[in-house]
Each structure stands twice: as C-alpha cells, then as structure tokens.
Amino acid sequence: MKAVGYIACIVGGVVLGYLLLSLGVVDAIDGVPGTLQEPAIAMPTYLGFMSAMMTAVTAVLAAVAIGIGIVAAYTFREIKDEALKAASKKVNELVSEKLSDEAIKARIDEIAFAQGPKGELDEDFDPDDTGER
C-alpha cells in the first residue's frame, strides 16, 4: 500500500512540475520564480491551459488505475491463498472423519452383516442367498 502512495506522489509531483513549467511560474533553465522574460515553453492561451489541465487529469487517473490494479492483484492472491487453506483444512477433516476406526467398522458391519447404521437387519437381506439370479 505504501508503494501505491509513493507512486501517486511521484506522478503528482511530475504533473505539478509540468504545470509550473508550462504556465511560466518557474523558469525551465534556473528554476527561479518571477523572471521578467517569457519562458520559451509558456502556454498563454486558454486552450493551452485546458490542454495542460486535461493532461494532468489523465495522468492522475492513470496513476489511480495502476494503483487499483496493484491492490487488486495482491488482494486476489490473498483470497486465493485463503481459499486454498480453507479447502485443504476441509479435506483433512473429511479424510480423518471417513477413515476413522468407527466409520470403517460401521461400513464393514453394513456390508458384511447387512446391517444398517443402527445395527438393524436390512429388509432385503436373505441369509440363504447364493448370489444367483
């Protein structure tokens, strides 16, 4: 998050410097404000001023978009990591539950002795069944 703030400050400083130079507030050569000569890169017209302002707005919006993209990339990675942790925890719980001694014994009783989960015989159980149909 600090990196996004630093990038925004750098872009803002560049835009401010461009505006100060282009409007003649600061001389491009020695940087002294208030010189009597008109700077070579001054934009005295309203159209030039609006062009500089729109450029500044575009640069700031571009910096904001880059910052949002960086934050979104980190956030997506964190969400993905959290989902993987939760999924692996759930899988471990299910495996330990399904492979516990009680679950295995209950399944053996259900298959081998044709008993339901409560120890009752199934209705379809035939002890004399030979397996032929």
N, C-alpha and C. Protein backbone atom coordinates (compact mmCIF):
# COMPACT_ATOMS: atom_id res chain seq x y z
N MET A 1 0.81 -1.17 0.00
CA MET A 1 0.00 0.00 0.00
C MET A 1 0.87 1.25 0.00
N LYS A 2 2.01 1.18 0.68
CA LYS A 2 2.91 2.33 0.68
C LYS A 2 3.46 2.60 -0.71
N ALA A 3 3.70 1.52 -1.47
CA ALA A 3 4.24 1.69 -2.82
C ALA A 3 3.26 2.45 -3.69
N VAL A 4 1.98 2.18 -3.55
CA VAL A 4 0.96 2.89 -4.33
C VAL A 4 0.97 4.36 -3.95
N GLY A 5 1.11 4.67 -2.68
CA GLY A 5 1.17 6.06 -2.23
C GLY A 5 2.39 6.77 -2.79
N TYR A 6 3.53 6.08 -2.79
CA TYR A 6 4.75 6.67 -3.35
C TYR A 6 4.60 6.94 -4.84
N ILE A 7 4.03 5.99 -5.55
CA ILE A 7 3.84 6.17 -7.00
C ILE A 7 2.89 7.34 -7.26
N ALA A 8 1.82 7.46 -6.48
CA ALA A 8 0.88 8.57 -6.65
C ALA A 8 1.56 9.90 -6.37
N CYS A 9 2.42 9.96 -5.35
CA CYS A 9 3.15 11.20 -5.05
C CYS A 9 4.11 11.56 -6.17
N ILE A 10 4.79 10.58 -6.72
CA ILE A 10 5.73 10.84 -7.81
C ILE A 10 4.99 11.36 -9.04
N VAL A 11 3.90 10.71 -9.40
CA VAL A 11 3.13 11.15 -10.57
C VAL A 11 2.57 12.55 -10.32
N GLY A 12 2.05 12.80 -9.13
CA GLY A 12 1.54 14.13 -8.81
C GLY A 12 2.63 15.19 -8.89
N GLY A 13 3.83 14.88 -8.42
CA GLY A 13 4.94 15.83 -8.50
C GLY A 13 5.35 16.12 -9.92
N VAL A 14 5.36 15.08 -10.75
CA VAL A 14 5.71 15.29 -12.17
C VAL A 14 4.66 16.17 -12.84
N VAL A 15 3.39 15.91 -12.56
CA VAL A 15 2.31 16.72 -13.15
C VAL A 15 2.40 18.16 -12.66
N LEU A 16 2.64 18.37 -11.38
CA LEU A 16 2.78 19.71 -10.84
C LEU A 16 3.97 20.44 -11.46
N GLY A 17 5.10 19.74 -11.59
CA GLY A 17 6.26 20.35 -12.23
C GLY A 17 5.99 20.73 -13.67
N TYR A 18 5.29 19.85 -14.38
CA TYR A 18 4.94 20.15 -15.77
C TYR A 18 4.05 21.39 -15.85
N LEU A 19 3.06 21.45 -14.96
CA LEU A 19 2.17 22.61 -14.97
C LEU A 19 2.91 23.90 -14.62
N LEU A 20 3.80 23.85 -13.63
CA LEU A 20 4.54 25.05 -13.24
C LEU A 20 5.45 25.52 -14.36
N LEU A 21 6.08 24.58 -15.05
CA LEU A 21 6.95 24.96 -16.17
C LEU A 21 6.14 25.47 -17.36
N SER A 22 5.04 24.80 -17.67
CA SER A 22 4.29 25.17 -18.86
C SER A 22 3.54 26.49 -18.68
N LEU A 23 3.15 26.84 -17.47
CA LEU A 23 2.43 28.09 -17.25
C LEU A 23 3.37 29.26 -16.95
N GLY A 24 4.65 29.03 -16.89
CA GLY A 24 5.62 30.10 -16.71
C GLY A 24 5.82 30.54 -15.27
N VAL A 25 5.35 29.78 -14.31
CA VAL A 25 5.55 30.14 -12.92
C VAL A 25 7.01 29.95 -12.53
N VAL A 26 7.63 28.91 -13.04
CA VAL A 26 9.04 28.62 -12.78
C VAL A 26 9.76 28.58 -14.12
N ASP A 27 10.93 29.20 -14.18
CA ASP A 27 11.72 29.20 -15.40
C ASP A 27 12.36 27.83 -15.57
N ALA A 28 12.37 27.34 -16.80
CA ALA A 28 12.89 26.00 -17.08
C ALA A 28 14.39 25.92 -16.90
N ILE A 29 15.10 27.03 -17.01
CA ILE A 29 16.56 26.98 -17.00
C ILE A 29 17.12 27.00 -15.58
N ASP A 30 16.81 28.05 -14.81
CA ASP A 30 17.41 28.14 -13.49
C ASP A 30 16.44 27.87 -12.35
N GLY A 31 15.15 27.73 -12.62
CA GLY A 31 14.19 27.39 -11.59
C GLY A 31 13.83 28.53 -10.67
N VAL A 32 14.18 29.75 -11.03
CA VAL A 32 13.88 30.90 -10.17
C VAL A 32 12.51 31.44 -10.56
N PRO A 33 11.60 31.57 -9.62
CA PRO A 33 10.29 32.10 -9.96
C PRO A 33 10.33 33.61 -10.21
N GLY A 34 9.42 34.08 -11.03
CA GLY A 34 9.25 35.51 -11.22
C GLY A 34 10.25 36.15 -12.17
N THR A 35 10.76 35.45 -13.13
CA THR A 35 11.67 36.07 -14.10
C THR A 35 10.88 37.03 -14.99
N LEU A 36 11.56 38.03 -15.54
CA LEU A 36 10.90 39.02 -16.36
C LEU A 36 10.70 38.54 -17.79
N GLN A 37 11.48 37.61 -18.23
CA GLN A 37 11.36 37.13 -19.60
C GLN A 37 10.29 36.04 -19.67
N GLU A 38 9.62 36.02 -20.82
CA GLU A 38 8.60 34.99 -21.05
C GLU A 38 9.31 33.66 -21.32
N PRO A 39 8.97 32.60 -20.57
CA PRO A 39 9.62 31.30 -20.83
C PRO A 39 9.28 30.80 -22.24
N ALA A 40 10.20 30.04 -22.80
CA ALA A 40 10.01 29.55 -24.16
C ALA A 40 8.88 28.52 -24.24
N ILE A 41 8.59 27.83 -23.16
CA ILE A 41 7.57 26.79 -23.21
C ILE A 41 6.25 27.23 -22.57
N ALA A 42 6.05 28.55 -22.41
CA ALA A 42 4.82 29.04 -21.78
C ALA A 42 3.63 28.83 -22.70
N MET A 43 2.44 28.62 -22.08
CA MET A 43 1.22 28.46 -22.85
C MET A 43 0.26 29.57 -22.42
N PRO A 44 0.27 30.68 -23.13
CA PRO A 44 -0.52 31.83 -22.67
C PRO A 44 -2.01 31.74 -23.01
N THR A 45 -2.42 30.81 -23.84
CA THR A 45 -3.82 30.76 -24.25
C THR A 45 -4.63 29.87 -23.32
N TYR A 46 -5.94 30.11 -23.34
CA TYR A 46 -6.86 29.28 -22.54
C TYR A 46 -6.86 27.85 -23.05
N LEU A 47 -6.76 27.69 -24.36
CA LEU A 47 -6.74 26.35 -24.95
C LEU A 47 -5.51 25.57 -24.46
N GLY A 48 -4.39 26.23 -24.37
CA GLY A 48 -3.19 25.58 -23.86
C GLY A 48 -3.32 25.21 -22.40
N PHE A 49 -3.94 26.12 -21.61
CA PHE A 49 -4.16 25.84 -20.20
C PHE A 49 -5.07 24.62 -20.02
N MET A 50 -6.15 24.57 -20.79
CA MET A 50 -7.07 23.43 -20.70
C MET A 50 -6.39 22.14 -21.14
N SER A 51 -5.53 22.24 -22.14
CA SER A 51 -4.79 21.06 -22.58
C SER A 51 -3.89 20.54 -21.45
N ALA A 52 -3.22 21.44 -20.77
CA ALA A 52 -2.36 21.03 -19.65
C ALA A 52 -3.17 20.44 -18.51
N MET A 53 -4.33 21.03 -18.23
CA MET A 53 -5.17 20.51 -17.15
C MET A 53 -5.71 19.12 -17.49
N MET A 54 -6.13 18.92 -18.73
CA MET A 54 -6.63 17.60 -19.13
C MET A 54 -5.51 16.55 -19.10
N THR A 55 -4.32 16.97 -19.45
CA THR A 55 -3.18 16.06 -19.37
C THR A 55 -2.92 15.66 -17.91
N ALA A 56 -3.02 16.63 -17.02
CA ALA A 56 -2.82 16.35 -15.60
C ALA A 56 -3.88 15.39 -15.08
N VAL A 57 -5.14 15.62 -15.45
CA VAL A 57 -6.22 14.74 -15.02
C VAL A 57 -6.01 13.33 -15.55
N THR A 58 -5.60 13.23 -16.81
CA THR A 58 -5.35 11.92 -17.42
C THR A 58 -4.21 11.19 -16.70
N ALA A 59 -3.16 11.92 -16.37
CA ALA A 59 -2.02 11.30 -15.67
C ALA A 59 -2.43 10.83 -14.28
N VAL A 60 -3.23 11.62 -13.57
CA VAL A 60 -3.67 11.22 -12.23
C VAL A 60 -4.58 10.00 -12.31
N LEU A 61 -5.51 9.99 -13.28
CA LEU A 61 -6.38 8.83 -13.44
C LEU A 61 -5.60 7.57 -13.81
N ALA A 62 -4.57 7.73 -14.62
CA ALA A 62 -3.73 6.59 -14.96
C ALA A 62 -3.01 6.05 -13.73
N ALA A 63 -2.52 6.96 -12.89
CA ALA A 63 -1.84 6.52 -11.66
C ALA A 63 -2.81 5.82 -10.72
N VAL A 64 -4.03 6.32 -10.62
CA VAL A 64 -5.04 5.68 -9.77
C VAL A 64 -5.38 4.29 -10.31
N ALA A 65 -5.52 4.18 -11.64
CA ALA A 65 -5.83 2.88 -12.23
C ALA A 65 -4.71 1.87 -11.99
N ILE A 66 -3.48 2.31 -12.11
CA ILE A 66 -2.35 1.42 -11.85
C ILE A 66 -2.35 1.00 -10.38
N GLY A 67 -2.61 1.94 -9.48
CA GLY A 67 -2.67 1.61 -8.06
C GLY A 67 -3.77 0.62 -7.74
N ILE A 68 -4.94 0.82 -8.33
CA ILE A 68 -6.05 -0.12 -8.10
C ILE A 68 -5.69 -1.50 -8.65
N GLY A 69 -5.03 -1.55 -9.79
CA GLY A 69 -4.61 -2.83 -10.35
C GLY A 69 -3.63 -3.57 -9.45
N ILE A 70 -2.69 -2.83 -8.88
CA ILE A 70 -1.71 -3.45 -7.99
C ILE A 70 -2.40 -3.98 -6.73
N VAL A 71 -3.28 -3.17 -6.14
CA VAL A 71 -4.02 -3.61 -4.95
C VAL A 71 -4.89 -4.81 -5.27
N ALA A 72 -5.54 -4.79 -6.43
CA ALA A 72 -6.40 -5.91 -6.82
C ALA A 72 -5.59 -7.19 -7.00
N ALA A 73 -4.40 -7.07 -7.58
CA ALA A 73 -3.56 -8.26 -7.77
C ALA A 73 -3.17 -8.87 -6.43
N TYR A 74 -2.77 -8.04 -5.46
CA TYR A 74 -2.41 -8.56 -4.15
C TYR A 74 -3.62 -9.14 -3.43
N THR A 75 -4.77 -8.46 -3.55
CA THR A 75 -5.98 -8.94 -2.89
C THR A 75 -6.42 -10.27 -3.47
N PHE A 76 -6.37 -10.42 -4.80
CA PHE A 76 -6.76 -11.68 -5.44
C PHE A 76 -5.86 -12.81 -4.97
N ARG A 77 -4.57 -12.55 -4.88
CA ARG A 77 -3.65 -13.59 -4.42
C ARG A 77 -3.95 -13.99 -2.97
N GLU A 78 -4.27 -13.01 -2.12
CA GLU A 78 -4.58 -13.33 -0.73
C GLU A 78 -5.88 -14.12 -0.62
N ILE A 79 -6.88 -13.76 -1.43
CA ILE A 79 -8.14 -14.51 -1.41
C ILE A 79 -7.91 -15.94 -1.88
N LYS A 80 -7.10 -16.11 -2.92
CA LYS A 80 -6.81 -17.44 -3.44
C LYS A 80 -6.08 -18.28 -2.39
N ASP A 81 -5.10 -17.68 -1.72
CA ASP A 81 -4.36 -18.41 -0.68
C ASP A 81 -5.28 -18.81 0.46
N GLU A 82 -6.17 -17.90 0.86
CA GLU A 82 -7.11 -18.20 1.95
C GLU A 82 -8.07 -19.32 1.55
N ALA A 83 -8.52 -19.31 0.30
CA ALA A 83 -9.42 -20.37 -0.18
C ALA A 83 -8.70 -21.72 -0.20
N LEU A 84 -7.45 -21.73 -0.61
CA LEU A 84 -6.69 -22.98 -0.62
C LEU A 84 -6.49 -23.52 0.80
N LYS A 85 -6.23 -22.63 1.74
CA LYS A 85 -6.06 -23.06 3.13
C LYS A 85 -7.36 -23.67 3.67
N ALA A 86 -8.48 -22.99 3.39
CA ALA A 86 -9.77 -23.49 3.87
C ALA A 86 -10.12 -24.82 3.22
N ALA A 87 -9.85 -24.96 1.93
CA ALA A 87 -10.16 -26.21 1.23
C ALA A 87 -9.31 -27.35 1.75
N SER A 88 -8.03 -27.12 1.97
CA SER A 88 -7.17 -28.19 2.48
C SER A 88 -7.57 -28.58 3.90
N LYS A 89 -8.00 -27.61 4.70
CA LYS A 89 -8.46 -27.92 6.05
C LYS A 89 -9.72 -28.78 6.00
N LYS A 90 -10.64 -28.43 5.12
CA LYS A 90 -11.88 -29.20 4.98
C LYS A 90 -11.59 -30.61 4.48
N VAL A 91 -10.68 -30.74 3.53
CA VAL A 91 -10.32 -32.06 3.01
C VAL A 91 -9.70 -32.90 4.11
N ASN A 92 -8.83 -32.32 4.90
CA ASN A 92 -8.22 -33.07 6.00
C ASN A 92 -9.26 -33.53 7.02
N GLU A 93 -10.24 -32.66 7.31
CA GLU A 93 -11.30 -33.05 8.23
C GLU A 93 -12.13 -34.20 7.67
N LEU A 94 -12.49 -34.12 6.38
CA LEU A 94 -13.28 -35.18 5.76
C LEU A 94 -12.53 -36.50 5.71
N VAL A 95 -11.25 -36.44 5.38
CA VAL A 95 -10.46 -37.67 5.31
C VAL A 95 -10.35 -38.30 6.69
N SER A 96 -10.08 -37.49 7.70
CA SER A 96 -9.96 -38.06 9.05
C SER A 96 -11.30 -38.61 9.54
N GLU A 97 -12.40 -37.97 9.12
CA GLU A 97 -13.72 -38.47 9.52
C GLU A 97 -14.07 -39.77 8.80
N LYS A 98 -13.83 -39.83 7.52
CA LYS A 98 -14.20 -41.01 6.73
C LYS A 98 -13.27 -42.19 6.97
N LEU A 99 -12.05 -41.94 7.36
CA LEU A 99 -11.10 -43.02 7.60
C LEU A 99 -10.90 -43.32 9.09
N SER A 100 -11.79 -42.83 9.92
CA SER A 100 -11.69 -43.14 11.34
C SER A 100 -12.08 -44.60 11.58
N ASP A 101 -11.66 -45.13 12.72
CA ASP A 101 -11.94 -46.53 13.04
C ASP A 101 -13.44 -46.80 13.13
N GLU A 102 -14.16 -45.86 13.71
CA GLU A 102 -15.61 -46.06 13.85
C GLU A 102 -16.29 -46.11 12.49
N ALA A 103 -15.90 -45.23 11.58
CA ALA A 103 -16.52 -45.21 10.25
C ALA A 103 -16.21 -46.48 9.48
N ILE A 104 -14.98 -46.96 9.59
CA ILE A 104 -14.59 -48.19 8.87
C ILE A 104 -15.34 -49.39 9.45
N LYS A 105 -15.42 -49.48 10.78
CA LYS A 105 -16.15 -50.59 11.39
C LYS A 105 -17.64 -50.54 11.03
N ALA A 106 -18.21 -49.36 11.01
CA ALA A 106 -19.63 -49.23 10.65
C ALA A 106 -19.85 -49.66 9.20
N ARG A 107 -18.95 -49.31 8.32
CA ARG A 107 -19.09 -49.70 6.91
C ARG A 107 -18.92 -51.21 6.75
N ILE A 108 -17.98 -51.81 7.49
CA ILE A 108 -17.79 -53.26 7.44
C ILE A 108 -19.05 -53.96 7.95
N ASP A 109 -19.60 -53.47 9.06
CA ASP A 109 -20.83 -54.06 9.59
C ASP A 109 -21.96 -53.94 8.58
N GLU A 110 -22.04 -52.81 7.92
CA GLU A 110 -23.12 -52.57 6.97
C GLU A 110 -23.00 -53.50 5.77
N ILE A 111 -21.78 -53.71 5.27
CA ILE A 111 -21.60 -54.55 4.08
C ILE A 111 -21.58 -56.04 4.44
N ALA A 112 -20.77 -56.42 5.40
CA ALA A 112 -20.58 -57.83 5.71
C ALA A 112 -21.79 -58.45 6.39
N PHE A 113 -22.41 -57.74 7.28
CA PHE A 113 -23.51 -58.30 8.04
C PHE A 113 -24.87 -57.79 7.60
N ALA A 114 -24.90 -57.00 6.55
CA ALA A 114 -26.12 -56.42 6.00
C ALA A 114 -26.92 -55.71 7.08
N GLN A 115 -26.22 -54.96 7.90
CA GLN A 115 -26.88 -54.22 8.95
C GLN A 115 -26.84 -52.73 8.61
N GLY A 116 -27.88 -52.05 9.00
CA GLY A 116 -27.93 -50.61 8.80
C GLY A 116 -27.06 -49.92 9.82
N PRO A 117 -27.09 -48.63 9.82
CA PRO A 117 -26.25 -47.87 10.75
C PRO A 117 -26.60 -48.10 12.21
N LYS A 118 -27.84 -48.51 12.51
CA LYS A 118 -28.26 -48.71 13.90
C LYS A 118 -28.17 -50.18 14.32
N GLY A 119 -27.63 -51.04 13.48
CA GLY A 119 -27.48 -52.44 13.82
C GLY A 119 -28.69 -53.28 13.44
N GLU A 120 -29.64 -52.72 12.72
CA GLU A 120 -30.84 -53.46 12.33
C GLU A 120 -30.57 -54.15 10.99
N LEU A 121 -31.17 -55.32 10.82
CA LEU A 121 -31.02 -56.03 9.55
C LEU A 121 -31.83 -55.33 8.47
N ASP A 122 -31.27 -55.30 7.27
CA ASP A 122 -31.99 -54.71 6.14
C ASP A 122 -33.13 -55.63 5.73
N GLU A 123 -34.17 -55.04 5.14
CA GLU A 123 -35.32 -55.83 4.72
C GLU A 123 -34.98 -56.76 3.57
N ASP A 124 -34.06 -56.37 2.71
CA ASP A 124 -33.71 -57.18 1.54
C ASP A 124 -32.68 -58.26 1.85
N PHE A 125 -32.25 -58.38 3.09
CA PHE A 125 -31.22 -59.35 3.43
C PHE A 125 -31.82 -60.77 3.43
N ASP A 126 -31.14 -61.67 2.70
CA ASP A 126 -31.56 -63.08 2.63
C ASP A 126 -30.34 -63.91 3.00
N PRO A 127 -30.31 -64.55 4.18
CA PRO A 127 -29.12 -65.32 4.57
C PRO A 127 -28.87 -66.52 3.72
N ASP A 128 -29.88 -67.05 3.01
CA ASP A 128 -29.71 -68.23 2.15
C ASP A 128 -29.40 -67.83 0.72
N ASP A 129 -29.11 -66.59 0.48
CA ASP A 129 -28.88 -66.12 -0.89
C ASP A 129 -27.58 -66.69 -1.41
N THR A 130 -27.65 -67.30 -2.61
CA THR A 130 -26.46 -67.89 -3.22
C THR A 130 -25.79 -66.94 -4.18
N GLY A 131 -26.44 -65.84 -4.46
CA GLY A 131 -25.84 -64.88 -5.36
C GLY A 131 -26.31 -65.04 -6.78
N GLU A 132 -27.09 -66.10 -7.07
CA GLU A 132 -27.59 -66.31 -8.43
C GLU A 132 -28.94 -65.65 -8.60
N ARG A 133 -29.20 -65.21 -9.79
CA ARG A 133 -30.49 -64.57 -10.07
C ARG A 133 -31.08 -65.14 -11.32
